[in-house]
All heavy atoms as atom14 arrays in JSON, in Angstrom:
{
  "sequence": "DGVIVDNRDAHLRAFEVFADRHGIRGFDAQELLPYFGSTNALIMSR",
  "atom14_mask": [
    [1, 1, 1, 1, 1, 1, 1, 1, 0, 0, 0, 0, 0, 0],
    [1, 1, 1, 1, 0, 0, 0, 0, 0, 0, 0, 0, 0, 0],
    [1, 1, 1, 1, 1, 1, 1, 0, 0, 0, 0, 0, 0, 0],
    [1, 1, 1, 1, 1, 1, 1, 1, 0, 0, 0, 0, 0, 0],
    [1, 1, 1, 1, 1, 1, 1, 0, 0, 0, 0, 0, 0, 0],
    [1, 1, 1, 1, 1, 1, 1, 1, 0, 0, 0, 0, 0, 0],
    [1, 1, 1, 1, 1, 1, 1, 1, 0, 0, 0, 0, 0, 0],
    [1, 1, 1, 1, 1, 1, 1, 1, 1, 1, 1, 0, 0, 0],
    [1, 1, 1, 1, 1, 1, 1, 1, 0, 0, 0, 0, 0, 0],
    [1, 1, 1, 1, 1, 0, 0, 0, 0, 0, 0, 0, 0, 0],
    [1, 1, 1, 1, 1, 1, 1, 1, 1, 1, 0, 0, 0, 0],
    [1, 1, 1, 1, 1, 1, 1, 1, 0, 0, 0, 0, 0, 0],
    [1, 1, 1, 1, 1, 1, 1, 1, 1, 1, 1, 0, 0, 0],
    [1, 1, 1, 1, 1, 0, 0, 0, 0, 0, 0, 0, 0, 0],
    [1, 1, 1, 1, 1, 1, 1, 1, 1, 1, 1, 0, 0, 0],
    [1, 1, 1, 1, 1, 1, 1, 1, 1, 0, 0, 0, 0, 0],
    [1, 1, 1, 1, 1, 1, 1, 0, 0, 0, 0, 0, 0, 0],
    [1, 1, 1, 1, 1, 1, 1, 1, 1, 1, 1, 0, 0, 0],
    [1, 1, 1, 1, 1, 0, 0, 0, 0, 0, 0, 0, 0, 0],
    [1, 1, 1, 1, 1, 1, 1, 1, 0, 0, 0, 0, 0, 0],
    [1, 1, 1, 1, 1, 1, 1, 1, 1, 1, 1, 0, 0, 0],
    [1, 1, 1, 1, 1, 1, 1, 1, 1, 1, 0, 0, 0, 0],
    [1, 1, 1, 1, 0, 0, 0, 0, 0, 0, 0, 0, 0, 0],
    [1, 1, 1, 1, 1, 1, 1, 1, 0, 0, 0, 0, 0, 0],
    [1, 1, 1, 1, 1, 1, 1, 1, 1, 1, 1, 0, 0, 0],
    [1, 1, 1, 1, 0, 0, 0, 0, 0, 0, 0, 0, 0, 0],
    [1, 1, 1, 1, 1, 1, 1, 1, 1, 1, 1, 0, 0, 0],
    [1, 1, 1, 1, 1, 1, 1, 1, 0, 0, 0, 0, 0, 0],
    [1, 1, 1, 1, 1, 0, 0, 0, 0, 0, 0, 0, 0, 0],
    [1, 1, 1, 1, 1, 1, 1, 1, 1, 0, 0, 0, 0, 0],
    [1, 1, 1, 1, 1, 1, 1, 1, 1, 0, 0, 0, 0, 0],
    [1, 1, 1, 1, 1, 1, 1, 1, 0, 0, 0, 0, 0, 0],
    [1, 1, 1, 1, 1, 1, 1, 1, 0, 0, 0, 0, 0, 0],
    [1, 1, 1, 1, 1, 1, 1, 0, 0, 0, 0, 0, 0, 0],
    [1, 1, 1, 1, 1, 1, 1, 1, 1, 1, 1, 1, 0, 0],
    [1, 1, 1, 1, 1, 1, 1, 1, 1, 1, 1, 0, 0, 0],
    [1, 1, 1, 1, 0, 0, 0, 0, 0, 0, 0, 0, 0, 0],
    [1, 1, 1, 1, 1, 1, 0, 0, 0, 0, 0, 0, 0, 0],
    [1, 1, 1, 1, 1, 1, 1, 0, 0, 0, 0, 0, 0, 0],
    [1, 1, 1, 1, 1, 1, 1, 1, 0, 0, 0, 0, 0, 0],
    [1, 1, 1, 1, 1, 0, 0, 0, 0, 0, 0, 0, 0, 0],
    [1, 1, 1, 1, 1, 1, 1, 1, 0, 0, 0, 0, 0, 0],
    [1, 1, 1, 1, 1, 1, 1, 1, 0, 0, 0, 0, 0, 0],
    [1, 1, 1, 1, 1, 1, 1, 1, 0, 0, 0, 0, 0, 0],
    [1, 1, 1, 1, 1, 1, 0, 0, 0, 0, 0, 0, 0, 0],
    [1, 1, 1, 1, 1, 1, 1, 1, 1, 1, 1, 0, 0, 0]
  ],
  "atom14_positions": [
    [[5.85, 29.28, 29.94], [7.27, 29.63, 29.86], [7.89, 29.67, 31.26], [7.43, 30.39, 32.15], [7.45, 31.0, 29.2], [7.07, 30.97, 27.73], [7.29, 29.93, 27.08], [6.56, 31.98, 27.22], [0.0, 0.0, 0.0], [0.0, 0.0, 0.0], [0.0, 0.0, 0.0], [0.0, 0.0, 0.0], [0.0, 0.0, 0.0], [0.0, 0.0, 0.0]],
    [[8.94, 28.86, 31.45], [9.61, 28.81, 32.74], [8.97, 27.86, 33.73], [9.5, 27.65, 34.82], [0.0, 0.0, 0.0], [0.0, 0.0, 0.0], [0.0, 0.0, 0.0], [0.0, 0.0, 0.0], [0.0, 0.0, 0.0], [0.0, 0.0, 0.0], [0.0, 0.0, 0.0], [0.0, 0.0, 0.0], [0.0, 0.0, 0.0], [0.0, 0.0, 0.0]],
    [[7.84, 27.26, 33.36], [7.13, 26.34, 34.27], [6.97, 24.98, 33.61], [7.57, 23.99, 34.04], [5.77, 26.92, 34.69], [5.0, 25.91, 35.55], [5.97, 28.22, 35.47], [0.0, 0.0, 0.0], [0.0, 0.0, 0.0], [0.0, 0.0, 0.0], [0.0, 0.0, 0.0], [0.0, 0.0, 0.0], [0.0, 0.0, 0.0], [0.0, 0.0, 0.0]],
    [[6.17, 24.91, 32.55], [6.03, 23.66, 31.82], [7.35, 23.28, 31.15], [7.72, 22.1, 31.1], [4.89, 23.77, 30.78], [3.54, 23.82, 31.51], [4.92, 22.59, 29.8], [2.36, 24.04, 30.58], [0.0, 0.0, 0.0], [0.0, 0.0, 0.0], [0.0, 0.0, 0.0], [0.0, 0.0, 0.0], [0.0, 0.0, 0.0], [0.0, 0.0, 0.0]],
    [[8.03, 24.29, 30.64], [9.38, 24.1, 30.08], [10.3, 25.17, 30.64], [9.89, 26.3, 30.87], [9.37, 24.16, 28.53], [8.8, 22.91, 27.93], [8.62, 25.4, 28.04], [0.0, 0.0, 0.0], [0.0, 0.0, 0.0], [0.0, 0.0, 0.0], [0.0, 0.0, 0.0], [0.0, 0.0, 0.0], [0.0, 0.0, 0.0], [0.0, 0.0, 0.0]],
    [[11.54, 24.81, 30.85], [12.54, 25.75, 31.37], [13.22, 26.43, 30.18], [14.32, 26.07, 29.78], [13.55, 25.01, 32.23], [14.5, 25.96, 32.96], [14.29, 27.19, 32.86], [15.43, 25.48, 33.62], [0.0, 0.0, 0.0], [0.0, 0.0, 0.0], [0.0, 0.0, 0.0], [0.0, 0.0, 0.0], [0.0, 0.0, 0.0], [0.0, 0.0, 0.0]],
    [[12.55, 27.42, 29.62], [12.99, 28.01, 28.36], [13.43, 29.46, 28.47], [13.47, 30.17, 27.48], [11.87, 27.89, 27.32], [10.59, 28.56, 27.79], [10.5, 29.09, 28.9], [9.58, 28.54, 26.94], [0.0, 0.0, 0.0], [0.0, 0.0, 0.0], [0.0, 0.0, 0.0], [0.0, 0.0, 0.0], [0.0, 0.0, 0.0], [0.0, 0.0, 0.0]],
    [[13.75, 29.89, 29.68], [14.15, 31.29, 29.86], [15.3, 31.67, 28.94], [15.25, 32.7, 28.24], [14.57, 31.54, 31.31], [14.93, 32.99, 31.59], [15.65, 33.16, 32.91], [17.01, 32.63, 32.84], [17.95, 32.87, 33.75], [17.69, 33.62, 34.8], [19.16, 32.36, 33.62], [0.0, 0.0, 0.0], [0.0, 0.0, 0.0], [0.0, 0.0, 0.0]],
    [[16.34, 30.86, 28.91], [17.53, 31.21, 28.12], [17.23, 31.23, 26.63], [17.8, 32.03, 25.88], [18.67, 30.25, 28.43], [19.21, 30.43, 29.83], [18.92, 31.47, 30.46], [19.93, 29.54, 30.32], [0.0, 0.0, 0.0], [0.0, 0.0, 0.0], [0.0, 0.0, 0.0], [0.0, 0.0, 0.0], [0.0, 0.0, 0.0], [0.0, 0.0, 0.0]],
    [[16.33, 30.35, 26.18], [15.96, 30.33, 24.76], [15.24, 31.62, 24.38], [15.48, 32.19, 23.31], [15.08, 29.12, 24.46], [0.0, 0.0, 0.0], [0.0, 0.0, 0.0], [0.0, 0.0, 0.0], [0.0, 0.0, 0.0], [0.0, 0.0, 0.0], [0.0, 0.0, 0.0], [0.0, 0.0, 0.0], [0.0, 0.0, 0.0], [0.0, 0.0, 0.0]],
    [[14.38, 32.1, 25.27], [13.69, 33.37, 24.99], [14.68, 34.54, 25.01], [14.59, 35.44, 24.17], [12.58, 33.61, 26.01], [11.27, 32.98, 25.63], [10.56, 33.38, 24.51], [10.55, 31.99, 26.21], [9.45, 32.67, 24.43], [9.43, 31.81, 25.43], [0.0, 0.0, 0.0], [0.0, 0.0, 0.0], [0.0, 0.0, 0.0], [0.0, 0.0, 0.0]],
    [[15.59, 34.54, 25.97], [16.57, 35.62, 26.03], [17.41, 35.65, 24.76], [17.66, 36.73, 24.19], [17.47, 35.44, 27.26], [16.82, 35.68, 28.62], [17.79, 35.34, 29.74], [16.35, 37.13, 28.76], [0.0, 0.0, 0.0], [0.0, 0.0, 0.0], [0.0, 0.0, 0.0], [0.0, 0.0, 0.0], [0.0, 0.0, 0.0], [0.0, 0.0, 0.0]],
    [[17.85, 34.49, 24.31], [18.66, 34.43, 23.09], [17.84, 34.87, 21.88], [18.35, 35.58, 21.0], [19.18, 33.0, 22.88], [20.0, 32.82, 21.61], [21.2, 33.75, 21.58], [21.92, 33.67, 20.31], [22.58, 34.67, 19.76], [22.61, 35.86, 20.37], [23.21, 34.51, 18.62], [0.0, 0.0, 0.0], [0.0, 0.0, 0.0], [0.0, 0.0, 0.0]],
    [[16.56, 34.48, 21.84], [15.7, 34.88, 20.73], [15.54, 36.4, 20.69], [15.55, 37.01, 19.61], [14.34, 34.2, 20.85], [0.0, 0.0, 0.0], [0.0, 0.0, 0.0], [0.0, 0.0, 0.0], [0.0, 0.0, 0.0], [0.0, 0.0, 0.0], [0.0, 0.0, 0.0], [0.0, 0.0, 0.0], [0.0, 0.0, 0.0], [0.0, 0.0, 0.0]],
    [[15.39, 37.01, 21.85], [15.28, 38.47, 21.89], [16.58, 39.14, 21.43], [16.55, 40.18, 20.77], [14.92, 38.94, 23.29], [13.44, 38.94, 23.57], [12.92, 38.14, 24.58], [12.58, 39.73, 22.84], [11.55, 38.13, 24.83], [11.22, 39.74, 23.08], [10.7, 38.93, 24.09], [0.0, 0.0, 0.0], [0.0, 0.0, 0.0], [0.0, 0.0, 0.0]],
    [[17.72, 38.54, 21.76], [19.0, 39.08, 21.31], [19.1, 39.05, 19.79], [19.51, 40.03, 19.16], [20.15, 38.3, 21.94], [20.32, 38.54, 23.43], [21.34, 37.61, 24.06], [21.78, 36.65, 23.39], [21.68, 37.83, 25.24], [0.0, 0.0, 0.0], [0.0, 0.0, 0.0], [0.0, 0.0, 0.0], [0.0, 0.0, 0.0], [0.0, 0.0, 0.0]],
    [[18.75, 37.91, 19.21], [18.79, 37.78, 17.74], [17.8, 38.75, 17.1], [18.12, 39.43, 16.12], [18.46, 36.32, 17.33], [18.33, 36.21, 15.81], [19.53, 35.36, 17.85], [0.0, 0.0, 0.0], [0.0, 0.0, 0.0], [0.0, 0.0, 0.0], [0.0, 0.0, 0.0], [0.0, 0.0, 0.0], [0.0, 0.0, 0.0], [0.0, 0.0, 0.0]],
    [[16.61, 38.83, 17.66], [15.57, 39.72, 17.15], [16.04, 41.18, 17.19], [15.9, 41.92, 16.22], [14.3, 39.55, 17.98], [13.19, 40.5, 17.63], [12.31, 40.21, 16.6], [13.03, 41.68, 18.33], [11.28, 41.08, 16.28], [12.0, 42.56, 18.02], [11.13, 42.26, 16.99], [0.0, 0.0, 0.0], [0.0, 0.0, 0.0], [0.0, 0.0, 0.0]],
    [[16.6, 41.58, 18.33], [17.06, 42.97, 18.48], [18.17, 43.29, 17.48], [18.19, 44.38, 16.88], [17.55, 43.2, 19.91], [0.0, 0.0, 0.0], [0.0, 0.0, 0.0], [0.0, 0.0, 0.0], [0.0, 0.0, 0.0], [0.0, 0.0, 0.0], [0.0, 0.0, 0.0], [0.0, 0.0, 0.0], [0.0, 0.0, 0.0], [0.0, 0.0, 0.0]],
    [[19.08, 42.36, 17.29], [20.18, 42.57, 16.34], [19.63, 42.75, 14.92], [20.09, 43.63, 14.18], [21.14, 41.38, 16.4], [22.34, 41.57, 15.48], [23.14, 42.49, 15.73], [22.46, 40.8, 14.5], [0.0, 0.0, 0.0], [0.0, 0.0, 0.0], [0.0, 0.0, 0.0], [0.0, 0.0, 0.0], [0.0, 0.0, 0.0], [0.0, 0.0, 0.0]],
    [[18.66, 41.94, 14.55], [18.09, 42.02, 13.2], [17.32, 43.32, 12.99], [17.13, 43.75, 11.85], [17.17, 40.83, 12.96], [17.92, 39.51, 12.83], [16.97, 38.35, 12.58], [17.7, 37.08, 12.52], [17.11, 35.89, 12.38], [15.78, 35.82, 12.3], [17.83, 34.79, 12.34], [0.0, 0.0, 0.0], [0.0, 0.0, 0.0], [0.0, 0.0, 0.0]],
    [[16.87, 43.94, 14.08], [16.1, 45.17, 13.96], [16.91, 46.41, 14.35], [16.35, 47.49, 14.56], [14.83, 45.08, 14.8], [13.79, 44.18, 14.2], [13.86, 42.81, 14.31], [12.68, 44.45, 13.45], [12.83, 42.28, 13.67], [12.11, 43.25, 13.14], [0.0, 0.0, 0.0], [0.0, 0.0, 0.0], [0.0, 0.0, 0.0], [0.0, 0.0, 0.0]],
    [[18.23, 46.23, 14.43], [19.12, 47.37, 14.64], [19.02, 48.02, 16.0], [19.34, 49.21, 16.15], [0.0, 0.0, 0.0], [0.0, 0.0, 0.0], [0.0, 0.0, 0.0], [0.0, 0.0, 0.0], [0.0, 0.0, 0.0], [0.0, 0.0, 0.0], [0.0, 0.0, 0.0], [0.0, 0.0, 0.0], [0.0, 0.0, 0.0], [0.0, 0.0, 0.0]],
    [[18.59, 47.26, 17.0], [18.51, 47.8, 18.36], [19.87, 47.59, 19.02], [20.25, 46.47, 19.35], [17.4, 47.11, 19.16], [16.06, 47.3, 18.46], [17.35, 47.66, 20.58], [14.92, 46.54, 19.1], [0.0, 0.0, 0.0], [0.0, 0.0, 0.0], [0.0, 0.0, 0.0], [0.0, 0.0, 0.0], [0.0, 0.0, 0.0], [0.0, 0.0, 0.0]],
    [[20.61, 48.66, 19.19], [21.97, 48.58, 19.7], [22.02, 48.72, 21.24], [21.14, 49.34, 21.84], [22.84, 49.68, 19.07], [22.83, 49.68, 17.54], [23.25, 48.32, 16.99], [23.09, 48.24, 15.55], [22.97, 47.11, 14.87], [22.98, 45.96, 15.51], [22.82, 47.13, 13.56], [0.0, 0.0, 0.0], [0.0, 0.0, 0.0], [0.0, 0.0, 0.0]],
    [[23.08, 48.17, 21.82], [23.26, 48.26, 23.27], [22.18, 47.52, 24.04], [21.88, 47.85, 25.19], [0.0, 0.0, 0.0], [0.0, 0.0, 0.0], [0.0, 0.0, 0.0], [0.0, 0.0, 0.0], [0.0, 0.0, 0.0], [0.0, 0.0, 0.0], [0.0, 0.0, 0.0], [0.0, 0.0, 0.0], [0.0, 0.0, 0.0], [0.0, 0.0, 0.0]],
    [[21.59, 46.53, 23.41], [20.48, 45.8, 24.03], [21.0, 44.71, 24.96], [21.86, 43.92, 24.59], [19.6, 45.2, 22.95], [18.55, 44.26, 23.47], [17.47, 44.74, 24.19], [18.64, 42.89, 23.23], [16.49, 43.87, 24.68], [17.68, 42.03, 23.7], [16.6, 42.52, 24.43], [0.0, 0.0, 0.0], [0.0, 0.0, 0.0], [0.0, 0.0, 0.0]],
    [[20.46, 44.64, 26.16], [20.77, 43.59, 27.12], [19.46, 42.85, 27.41], [18.56, 43.39, 28.05], [21.34, 44.18, 28.41], [21.7, 43.11, 29.43], [21.48, 41.91, 29.16], [22.2, 43.48, 30.52], [0.0, 0.0, 0.0], [0.0, 0.0, 0.0], [0.0, 0.0, 0.0], [0.0, 0.0, 0.0], [0.0, 0.0, 0.0], [0.0, 0.0, 0.0]],
    [[19.37, 41.62, 26.93], [18.12, 40.86, 27.07], [17.72, 40.68, 28.53], [16.53, 40.55, 28.84], [18.27, 39.5, 26.4], [0.0, 0.0, 0.0], [0.0, 0.0, 0.0], [0.0, 0.0, 0.0], [0.0, 0.0, 0.0], [0.0, 0.0, 0.0], [0.0, 0.0, 0.0], [0.0, 0.0, 0.0], [0.0, 0.0, 0.0], [0.0, 0.0, 0.0]],
    [[18.69, 40.69, 29.44], [18.37, 40.54, 30.87], [17.43, 41.63, 31.36], [16.69, 41.43, 32.33], [19.66, 40.55, 31.69], [20.62, 39.41, 31.39], [20.18, 38.1, 31.98], [19.5, 38.05, 33.0], [20.56, 36.99, 31.34], [0.0, 0.0, 0.0], [0.0, 0.0, 0.0], [0.0, 0.0, 0.0], [0.0, 0.0, 0.0], [0.0, 0.0, 0.0]],
    [[17.46, 42.78, 30.69], [16.6, 43.89, 31.09], [15.12, 43.57, 30.9], [14.24, 44.23, 31.48], [16.95, 45.15, 30.31], [18.35, 45.68, 30.59], [18.73, 46.85, 29.7], [17.88, 47.28, 28.88], [19.87, 47.34, 29.82], [0.0, 0.0, 0.0], [0.0, 0.0, 0.0], [0.0, 0.0, 0.0], [0.0, 0.0, 0.0], [0.0, 0.0, 0.0]],
    [[14.82, 42.56, 30.1], [13.44, 42.19, 29.85], [12.9, 41.2, 30.89], [11.7, 40.93, 30.93], [13.29, 41.57, 28.45], [13.51, 42.5, 27.26], [13.34, 41.73, 25.96], [12.56, 43.68, 27.3], [0.0, 0.0, 0.0], [0.0, 0.0, 0.0], [0.0, 0.0, 0.0], [0.0, 0.0, 0.0], [0.0, 0.0, 0.0], [0.0, 0.0, 0.0]],
    [[13.77, 40.65, 31.73], [13.33, 39.64, 32.69], [12.16, 40.09, 33.57], [11.25, 39.3, 33.83], [14.51, 39.18, 33.56], [15.42, 38.12, 32.95], [16.61, 37.85, 33.86], [14.65, 36.82, 32.68], [0.0, 0.0, 0.0], [0.0, 0.0, 0.0], [0.0, 0.0, 0.0], [0.0, 0.0, 0.0], [0.0, 0.0, 0.0], [0.0, 0.0, 0.0]],
    [[12.16, 41.35, 34.05], [11.01, 41.76, 34.88], [9.68, 41.7, 34.15], [8.62, 41.67, 34.78], [11.35, 43.22, 35.26], [12.83, 43.29, 35.16], [13.19, 42.4, 34.01], [0.0, 0.0, 0.0], [0.0, 0.0, 0.0], [0.0, 0.0, 0.0], [0.0, 0.0, 0.0], [0.0, 0.0, 0.0], [0.0, 0.0, 0.0], [0.0, 0.0, 0.0]],
    [[9.73, 41.68, 32.8], [8.5, 41.66, 32.02], [8.13, 40.25, 31.56], [7.09, 40.07, 30.91], [8.63, 42.57, 30.8], [8.99, 43.99, 31.19], [10.28, 44.47, 31.01], [8.05, 44.83, 31.78], [10.63, 45.76, 31.38], [8.38, 46.12, 32.15], [9.67, 46.58, 31.96], [10.01, 47.85, 32.34], [0.0, 0.0, 0.0], [0.0, 0.0, 0.0]],
    [[8.96, 39.26, 31.89], [8.63, 37.89, 31.53], [7.32, 37.5, 32.23], [7.12, 37.78, 33.4], [9.75, 36.93, 31.91], [10.81, 36.79, 30.85], [11.16, 37.85, 30.05], [11.46, 35.58, 30.65], [12.12, 37.73, 29.06], [12.43, 35.44, 29.67], [12.76, 36.52, 28.87], [0.0, 0.0, 0.0], [0.0, 0.0, 0.0], [0.0, 0.0, 0.0]],
    [[6.46, 36.86, 31.49], [5.14, 36.54, 31.99], [4.09, 37.48, 31.44], [2.9, 37.21, 31.52], [0.0, 0.0, 0.0], [0.0, 0.0, 0.0], [0.0, 0.0, 0.0], [0.0, 0.0, 0.0], [0.0, 0.0, 0.0], [0.0, 0.0, 0.0], [0.0, 0.0, 0.0], [0.0, 0.0, 0.0], [0.0, 0.0, 0.0], [0.0, 0.0, 0.0]],
    [[4.55, 38.61, 30.86], [3.64, 39.57, 30.24], [3.42, 39.2, 28.78], [4.1, 38.35, 28.23], [4.22, 40.98, 30.32], [4.53, 41.35, 31.64], [0.0, 0.0, 0.0], [0.0, 0.0, 0.0], [0.0, 0.0, 0.0], [0.0, 0.0, 0.0], [0.0, 0.0, 0.0], [0.0, 0.0, 0.0], [0.0, 0.0, 0.0], [0.0, 0.0, 0.0]],
    [[2.46, 39.86, 28.14], [2.21, 39.61, 26.72], [3.29, 40.26, 25.87], [4.0, 41.18, 26.31], [0.84, 40.18, 26.31], [0.82, 41.59, 26.59], [-0.29, 39.48, 27.04], [0.0, 0.0, 0.0], [0.0, 0.0, 0.0], [0.0, 0.0, 0.0], [0.0, 0.0, 0.0], [0.0, 0.0, 0.0], [0.0, 0.0, 0.0], [0.0, 0.0, 0.0]],
    [[3.39, 39.82, 24.62], [4.35, 40.41, 23.7], [4.08, 41.89, 23.44], [5.0, 42.65, 23.17], [4.35, 39.65, 22.37], [5.27, 38.45, 22.39], [6.25, 38.41, 23.14], [4.97, 37.46, 21.57], [0.0, 0.0, 0.0], [0.0, 0.0, 0.0], [0.0, 0.0, 0.0], [0.0, 0.0, 0.0], [0.0, 0.0, 0.0], [0.0, 0.0, 0.0]],
    [[2.81, 42.3, 23.52], [2.48, 43.71, 23.3], [3.22, 44.59, 24.3], [3.8, 45.62, 23.94], [0.97, 43.92, 23.4], [0.0, 0.0, 0.0], [0.0, 0.0, 0.0], [0.0, 0.0, 0.0], [0.0, 0.0, 0.0], [0.0, 0.0, 0.0], [0.0, 0.0, 0.0], [0.0, 0.0, 0.0], [0.0, 0.0, 0.0], [0.0, 0.0, 0.0]],
    [[3.23, 44.18, 25.55], [3.92, 44.95, 26.59], [5.43, 44.87, 26.4], [6.14, 45.89, 26.49], [3.53, 44.43, 27.97], [4.2, 45.12, 29.17], [3.87, 46.62, 29.17], [3.75, 44.48, 30.47], [0.0, 0.0, 0.0], [0.0, 0.0, 0.0], [0.0, 0.0, 0.0], [0.0, 0.0, 0.0], [0.0, 0.0, 0.0], [0.0, 0.0, 0.0]],
    [[5.94, 43.69, 26.12], [7.38, 43.52, 25.97], [7.9, 44.29, 24.75], [8.96, 44.93, 24.83], [7.75, 42.02, 25.86], [7.45, 41.32, 27.21], [9.22, 41.84, 25.49], [7.67, 39.83, 27.19], [0.0, 0.0, 0.0], [0.0, 0.0, 0.0], [0.0, 0.0, 0.0], [0.0, 0.0, 0.0], [0.0, 0.0, 0.0], [0.0, 0.0, 0.0]],
    [[7.18, 44.26, 23.65], [7.6, 44.99, 22.46], [7.63, 46.49, 22.7], [8.51, 47.21, 22.2], [6.7, 44.67, 21.27], [6.92, 43.28, 20.69], [8.61, 43.06, 20.05], [8.6, 41.29, 19.74], [0.0, 0.0, 0.0], [0.0, 0.0, 0.0], [0.0, 0.0, 0.0], [0.0, 0.0, 0.0], [0.0, 0.0, 0.0], [0.0, 0.0, 0.0]],
    [[6.67, 46.99, 23.47], [6.67, 48.42, 23.77], [7.9, 48.81, 24.58], [8.46, 49.89, 24.37], [5.39, 48.8, 24.52], [5.38, 48.29, 25.84], [0.0, 0.0, 0.0], [0.0, 0.0, 0.0], [0.0, 0.0, 0.0], [0.0, 0.0, 0.0], [0.0, 0.0, 0.0], [0.0, 0.0, 0.0], [0.0, 0.0, 0.0], [0.0, 0.0, 0.0]],
    [[8.34, 47.93, 25.46], [9.56, 48.2, 26.24], [10.79, 48.08, 25.35], [11.72, 48.88, 25.44], [9.67, 47.22, 27.42], [8.56, 47.32, 28.43], [8.54, 48.69, 29.13], [7.48, 48.78, 30.12], [6.25, 49.2, 29.88], [5.91, 49.54, 28.64], [5.35, 49.27, 30.85], [0.0, 0.0, 0.0], [0.0, 0.0, 0.0], [0.0, 0.0, 0.0]]
  ]
}
């Protein structure tokens, strides 16, 4: 992610859609950028 393919914006948009579907309000996907490169387990906990 971000190396073989430049997909940062696709992941950010996916997190926005995911958060909306799960009722997470006031969510800013940019806040997850420091965790990009980590596993989903860590990102989901955040």
